[in-house]
Protein backbone atom coordinates (compact mmCIF):
# COMPACT_ATOMS: atom_id res chain seq x y z
CA UNK A 1 -11.65 8.19 -3.52
CA UNK A 2 -9.08 7.82 -6.27
CA UNK A 3 -8.85 5.17 -8.98
CA UNK A 4 -5.54 4.68 -10.76
CA UNK A 5 -4.43 2.78 -13.82
CA UNK A 6 -3.02 3.58 -17.27
CA UNK A 7 -5.41 3.17 -20.16
CA UNK A 8 -3.19 0.58 -21.81
CA UNK A 9 -3.17 -1.46 -18.60
CA UNK A 10 -6.95 -1.08 -18.31
CA UNK A 11 -7.41 -2.44 -21.82
CA UNK A 12 -5.12 -5.37 -21.07
CA UNK A 13 -6.96 -6.05 -17.83
CA UNK A 14 -10.32 -5.84 -19.58
CA UNK A 15 -9.11 -8.34 -22.16
CA UNK A 16 -7.82 -10.68 -19.46
CA UNK A 17 -11.10 -10.51 -17.56
CA UNK A 18 -13.06 -11.10 -20.75
CA UNK A 19 -11.09 -14.28 -21.40
CA UNK A 20 -12.29 -15.75 -18.12
CA UNK A 21 -15.83 -14.49 -18.60
CA UNK A 22 -15.82 -11.45 -16.32
CA UNK A 23 -17.03 -8.05 -17.48
CA UNK A 24 -14.70 -5.10 -16.98
CA UNK A 25 -15.71 -1.62 -17.99
CA UNK A 26 -13.19 1.17 -17.24
CA UNK A 27 -14.69 3.68 -14.87
CA UNK A 28 -17.16 1.21 -13.31
CA UNK A 29 -14.81 -1.71 -12.89
CA UNK A 30 -14.42 -1.31 -9.14
CA UNK A 31 -18.07 -2.19 -8.58
CA UNK A 32 -18.04 -4.96 -11.18
CA UNK A 33 -14.96 -6.53 -9.64
CA UNK A 34 -16.54 -6.52 -6.20
CA UNK A 35 -19.60 -8.39 -7.47
CA UNK A 36 -17.53 -10.89 -9.44
CA UNK A 37 -15.18 -11.52 -6.52
CA UNK A 38 -18.05 -12.57 -4.25
CA UNK A 39 -18.88 -15.35 -6.68
CA UNK A 40 -15.36 -16.66 -7.14
CA UNK A 41 -13.60 -16.05 -3.82
CA UNK A 42 -14.21 -16.94 -0.20
CA UNK A 43 -15.23 -14.12 2.17
CA UNK A 44 -12.47 -11.75 3.18
CA UNK A 45 -10.41 -12.36 6.30
CA UNK A 46 -9.19 -9.33 8.23
CA UNK A 47 -5.75 -9.48 9.85
CA UNK A 48 -3.78 -6.98 11.94
CA UNK A 49 -0.04 -7.32 11.27
CA UNK A 50 2.65 -5.44 13.21
CA UNK A 51 5.74 -4.38 11.27
CA UNK A 52 8.96 -3.67 13.17
CA UNK A 53 11.21 -1.35 11.18
CA UNK A 54 14.78 -0.21 11.53
CA UNK A 55 14.94 3.44 10.47
CA UNK A 56 17.86 5.57 9.36
CA UNK A 57 17.81 9.07 10.89
CA UNK A 58 20.24 11.96 11.04
CA UNK A 59 20.80 14.57 13.73
CA UNK A 60 23.24 17.47 14.17
CA UNK A 61 26.66 15.87 14.01
CA UNK A 62 25.74 12.33 13.00
CA UNK A 63 23.29 9.57 12.12
CA UNK A 64 21.92 6.39 13.64
CA UNK A 65 19.17 3.79 13.29
CA UNK A 66 16.13 3.67 15.54
CA UNK A 67 13.28 1.16 15.93
CA UNK A 68 9.82 2.05 14.71
CA UNK A 69 6.63 -0.05 14.60
CA UNK A 70 3.35 0.21 12.73
CA UNK A 71 0.38 -2.12 12.54
CA UNK A 72 -1.31 -2.71 9.18
CA UNK A 73 -4.84 -4.05 8.81
CA UNK A 74 -5.48 -6.14 5.70
CA UNK A 75 -8.54 -7.87 4.32
CA UNK A 76 -8.29 -10.57 1.65
CA UNK A 77 -10.07 -13.82 0.74
CA UNK A 78 -8.56 -17.06 1.99
CA UNK A 79 -9.11 -18.69 -1.39
CA UNK A 80 -9.92 -17.63 -4.94
CA UNK A 81 -10.41 -19.66 -8.10
CA UNK A 82 -7.76 -19.55 -10.81
CA UNK A 83 -8.03 -16.64 -13.24
CA UNK A 84 -10.66 -14.84 -11.20
CA UNK A 85 -10.90 -11.34 -9.78
CA UNK A 86 -10.41 -10.58 -6.10
CA UNK A 87 -9.41 -7.62 -3.97
CA UNK A 88 -7.12 -6.90 -1.03
CA UNK A 89 -7.37 -3.89 1.29
CA UNK A 90 -4.31 -2.51 3.10
CA UNK A 91 -4.53 0.09 5.84
CA UNK A 92 -1.67 1.43 8.01
CA UNK A 93 -2.44 2.62 11.50
CA UNK A 94 -2.89 6.25 12.47
CA UNK A 95 0.27 8.01 13.65
CA UNK A 96 1.18 11.27 15.41
CA UNK A 97 4.59 12.90 14.74
CA UNK A 98 6.38 13.50 18.02
CA UNK A 99 6.73 17.25 18.76
CA UNK A 100 9.82 16.55 20.91
CA UNK A 101 11.75 15.80 17.71
CA UNK A 102 9.77 17.25 14.79
CA UNK A 103 8.10 20.41 13.62
CA UNK A 104 6.40 18.49 10.82
CA UNK A 105 6.80 15.51 8.47
CA UNK A 106 6.38 15.49 4.70
CA UNK A 107 6.61 13.12 1.73
CA UNK A 108 5.17 10.34 3.90
CA UNK A 109 5.52 7.18 1.81
CA UNK A 110 4.52 3.54 2.18
CA UNK A 111 5.37 0.79 -0.30
CA UNK A 112 3.39 -2.43 -0.69
CA UNK A 113 4.56 -5.58 -2.43
CA UNK A 114 1.92 -7.01 -4.77
CA UNK A 115 1.48 -10.75 -5.44
CA UNK A 116 3.87 -12.43 -7.84
CA UNK A 117 1.16 -14.79 -9.13
CA UNK A 118 -1.68 -12.33 -9.69
CA UNK A 119 -2.11 -9.43 -12.09
CA UNK A 120 -2.68 -5.90 -10.84
CA UNK A 121 -5.81 -4.43 -12.44
CA UNK A 122 -6.51 -1.17 -10.62
CA UNK A 123 -6.70 0.38 -7.18
CA UNK A 124 -8.87 2.67 -5.09
CA UNK A 125 -8.06 4.91 -2.13
CA UNK A 126 -10.51 5.62 0.68
CA UNK A 127 -10.43 7.30 4.07
CA UNK A 128 -7.43 9.13 5.45
CA UNK A 129 -7.11 11.81 8.13
CA UNK A 130 -5.35 15.19 8.31
CA UNK A 131 -3.41 14.71 5.08
CA UNK A 132 -3.26 18.33 3.97
CA UNK A 133 -4.53 19.94 0.80
CA UNK A 134 -2.54 17.85 -1.71
CA UNK A 135 -4.23 14.55 -2.61
CA UNK A 136 -2.25 11.35 -1.97
CA UNK A 137 -0.31 10.10 -4.98
CA UNK A 138 -0.05 6.47 -6.03
CA UNK A 139 2.64 4.89 -8.20
CA UNK A 140 2.49 1.32 -9.45
CA UNK A 141 5.76 -0.29 -10.56
CA UNK A 142 4.67 -3.23 -12.71
CA UNK A 143 8.16 -4.71 -13.04
CA UNK A 144 8.89 -4.59 -9.30
CA UNK A 145 5.26 -5.43 -8.40
CA UNK A 146 5.00 -2.61 -5.90
CA UNK A 147 2.37 0.00 -5.15
CA UNK A 148 3.55 3.20 -3.47
CA UNK A 149 1.37 5.76 -1.69
CA UNK A 150 2.84 9.20 -0.95
CA UNK A 151 1.37 12.15 0.94
CA UNK A 152 3.28 15.39 0.29
CA UNK A 153 2.25 17.26 3.44
CA UNK A 154 3.66 18.96 5.41
CA UNK A 155 1.84 17.27 8.29
CA UNK A 156 2.35 19.13 11.58
CA UNK A 157 3.75 17.47 14.67
CA UNK A 158 1.37 16.58 17.51
CA UNK A 159 -1.52 16.16 15.02
CA UNK A 160 -2.55 12.57 14.19
CA UNK A 161 -2.61 11.55 10.54
CA UNK A 162 -3.87 8.42 8.84
CA UNK A 163 -2.82 7.38 5.34
CA UNK A 164 -5.69 6.19 3.13
CA UNK A 165 -6.78 2.59 2.87
CA UNK A 166 -5.75 1.05 -0.45
CA UNK A 167 -8.01 -1.47 -2.14
CA UNK A 168 -6.08 -3.36 -4.82
CA UNK A 169 -8.08 -5.24 -7.44
CA UNK A 170 -6.27 -8.28 -8.80
CA UNK A 171 -6.73 -11.14 -11.25
CA UNK A 172 -5.49 -14.45 -9.88
CA UNK A 173 -2.97 -16.60 -11.70
CA UNK A 174 -3.23 -20.37 -12.27
CA UNK A 175 -2.14 -21.59 -8.83
CA UNK A 176 -0.10 -20.91 -5.70
CA UNK A 177 -0.55 -18.39 -2.89
CA UNK A 178 -1.03 -14.71 -3.72
CA UNK A 179 0.57 -12.61 -0.99
CA UNK A 180 0.81 -8.92 -0.28
CA UNK A 181 3.70 -7.71 1.88
CA UNK A 182 5.90 -4.79 2.79
CA UNK A 183 7.69 -3.29 -0.17
CA UNK A 184 11.08 -1.63 -0.19
CA UNK A 185 14.58 -3.00 -0.40
CA UNK A 186 17.06 -0.39 0.85
CA UNK A 187 17.58 3.14 2.17
CA UNK A 188 17.02 4.44 -1.36
CA UNK A 189 13.90 2.25 -1.69
CA UNK A 190 12.44 2.25 1.83
CA UNK A 191 9.30 0.41 2.90
CA UNK A 192 8.12 3.35 5.00
CA UNK A 193 9.61 6.84 5.02
CA UNK A 194 9.11 10.52 5.56
CA UNK A 195 11.19 13.68 5.60
CA UNK A 196 11.05 15.26 9.02
CA UNK A 197 11.65 18.90 9.86
CA UNK A 198 13.62 18.94 13.10
CA UNK A 199 13.28 21.57 15.82
CA UNK A 200 15.95 23.71 14.15
CA UNK A 201 14.02 23.71 10.88
CA UNK A 202 16.39 21.28 9.11
CA UNK A 203 14.77 18.61 6.92
CA UNK A 204 16.13 15.15 7.68
CA UNK A 205 15.42 11.60 6.44
CA UNK A 206 13.45 8.92 8.24
CA UNK A 207 13.87 5.83 6.04
CA UNK A 208 12.62 2.48 7.32
CA UNK A 209 12.76 -1.18 6.34
CA UNK A 210 11.94 -4.36 8.27
CA UNK A 211 14.71 -6.95 8.66
CA UNK A 212 12.79 -9.22 6.27
CA UNK A 213 9.60 -8.62 4.27
CA UNK A 214 6.42 -8.91 6.35
CA UNK A 215 3.40 -10.62 4.79
CA UNK A 216 0.08 -8.83 5.14
CA UNK A 217 -2.30 -11.21 3.35
CA UNK A 218 -2.27 -14.66 1.77
CA UNK A 219 -4.86 -15.97 -0.69
CA UNK A 220 -4.68 -19.55 -1.99
CA UNK A 221 -5.44 -19.84 -5.69
CA UNK A 222 -7.31 -22.89 -6.91
């Protein structure tokens, strides 16, 4: 399990939580947030959401786009009070790289869009399968409100892998609906991607975005 947040952000989050009467102690905040959330949010609702991507790929002599689908399981409360802590879990399905096209895949990356009307506080990773010896890396872009998980690999073809579940701890804003969704905007900022090693040993892109952002969870504030 990995917890990620800069110390300056932790101090800001602790101050914000203190304002609304919630304790936040760096290092133990995950447990504290869970207890606080049960008092201020409705029970979590679990939803399975399919995402249909269009993916840019190259091959000897050219490039094309291909369809690709993944299902994400999310859990989030239906409602949370204003300025209260709550959490959302996001979990992509297990996948097996096809040995007819790949020797392995590496730099497997998924981007999540965080709510516009809630503050990111911290995150935790749990689970995962056949992810190699390098721990998953997480990057939070506060300006873009995205959280990115990357597994370096390489992950061999014909072996199933499962990216870790992300639990994102948030502080609700004053009102509205706090939504998580697919991140990514373009081929240089894909929602889901990996670098595949083809059967000739050449590393090639596999960069995917849905036609429009797909919502994973919705929590009404107020």
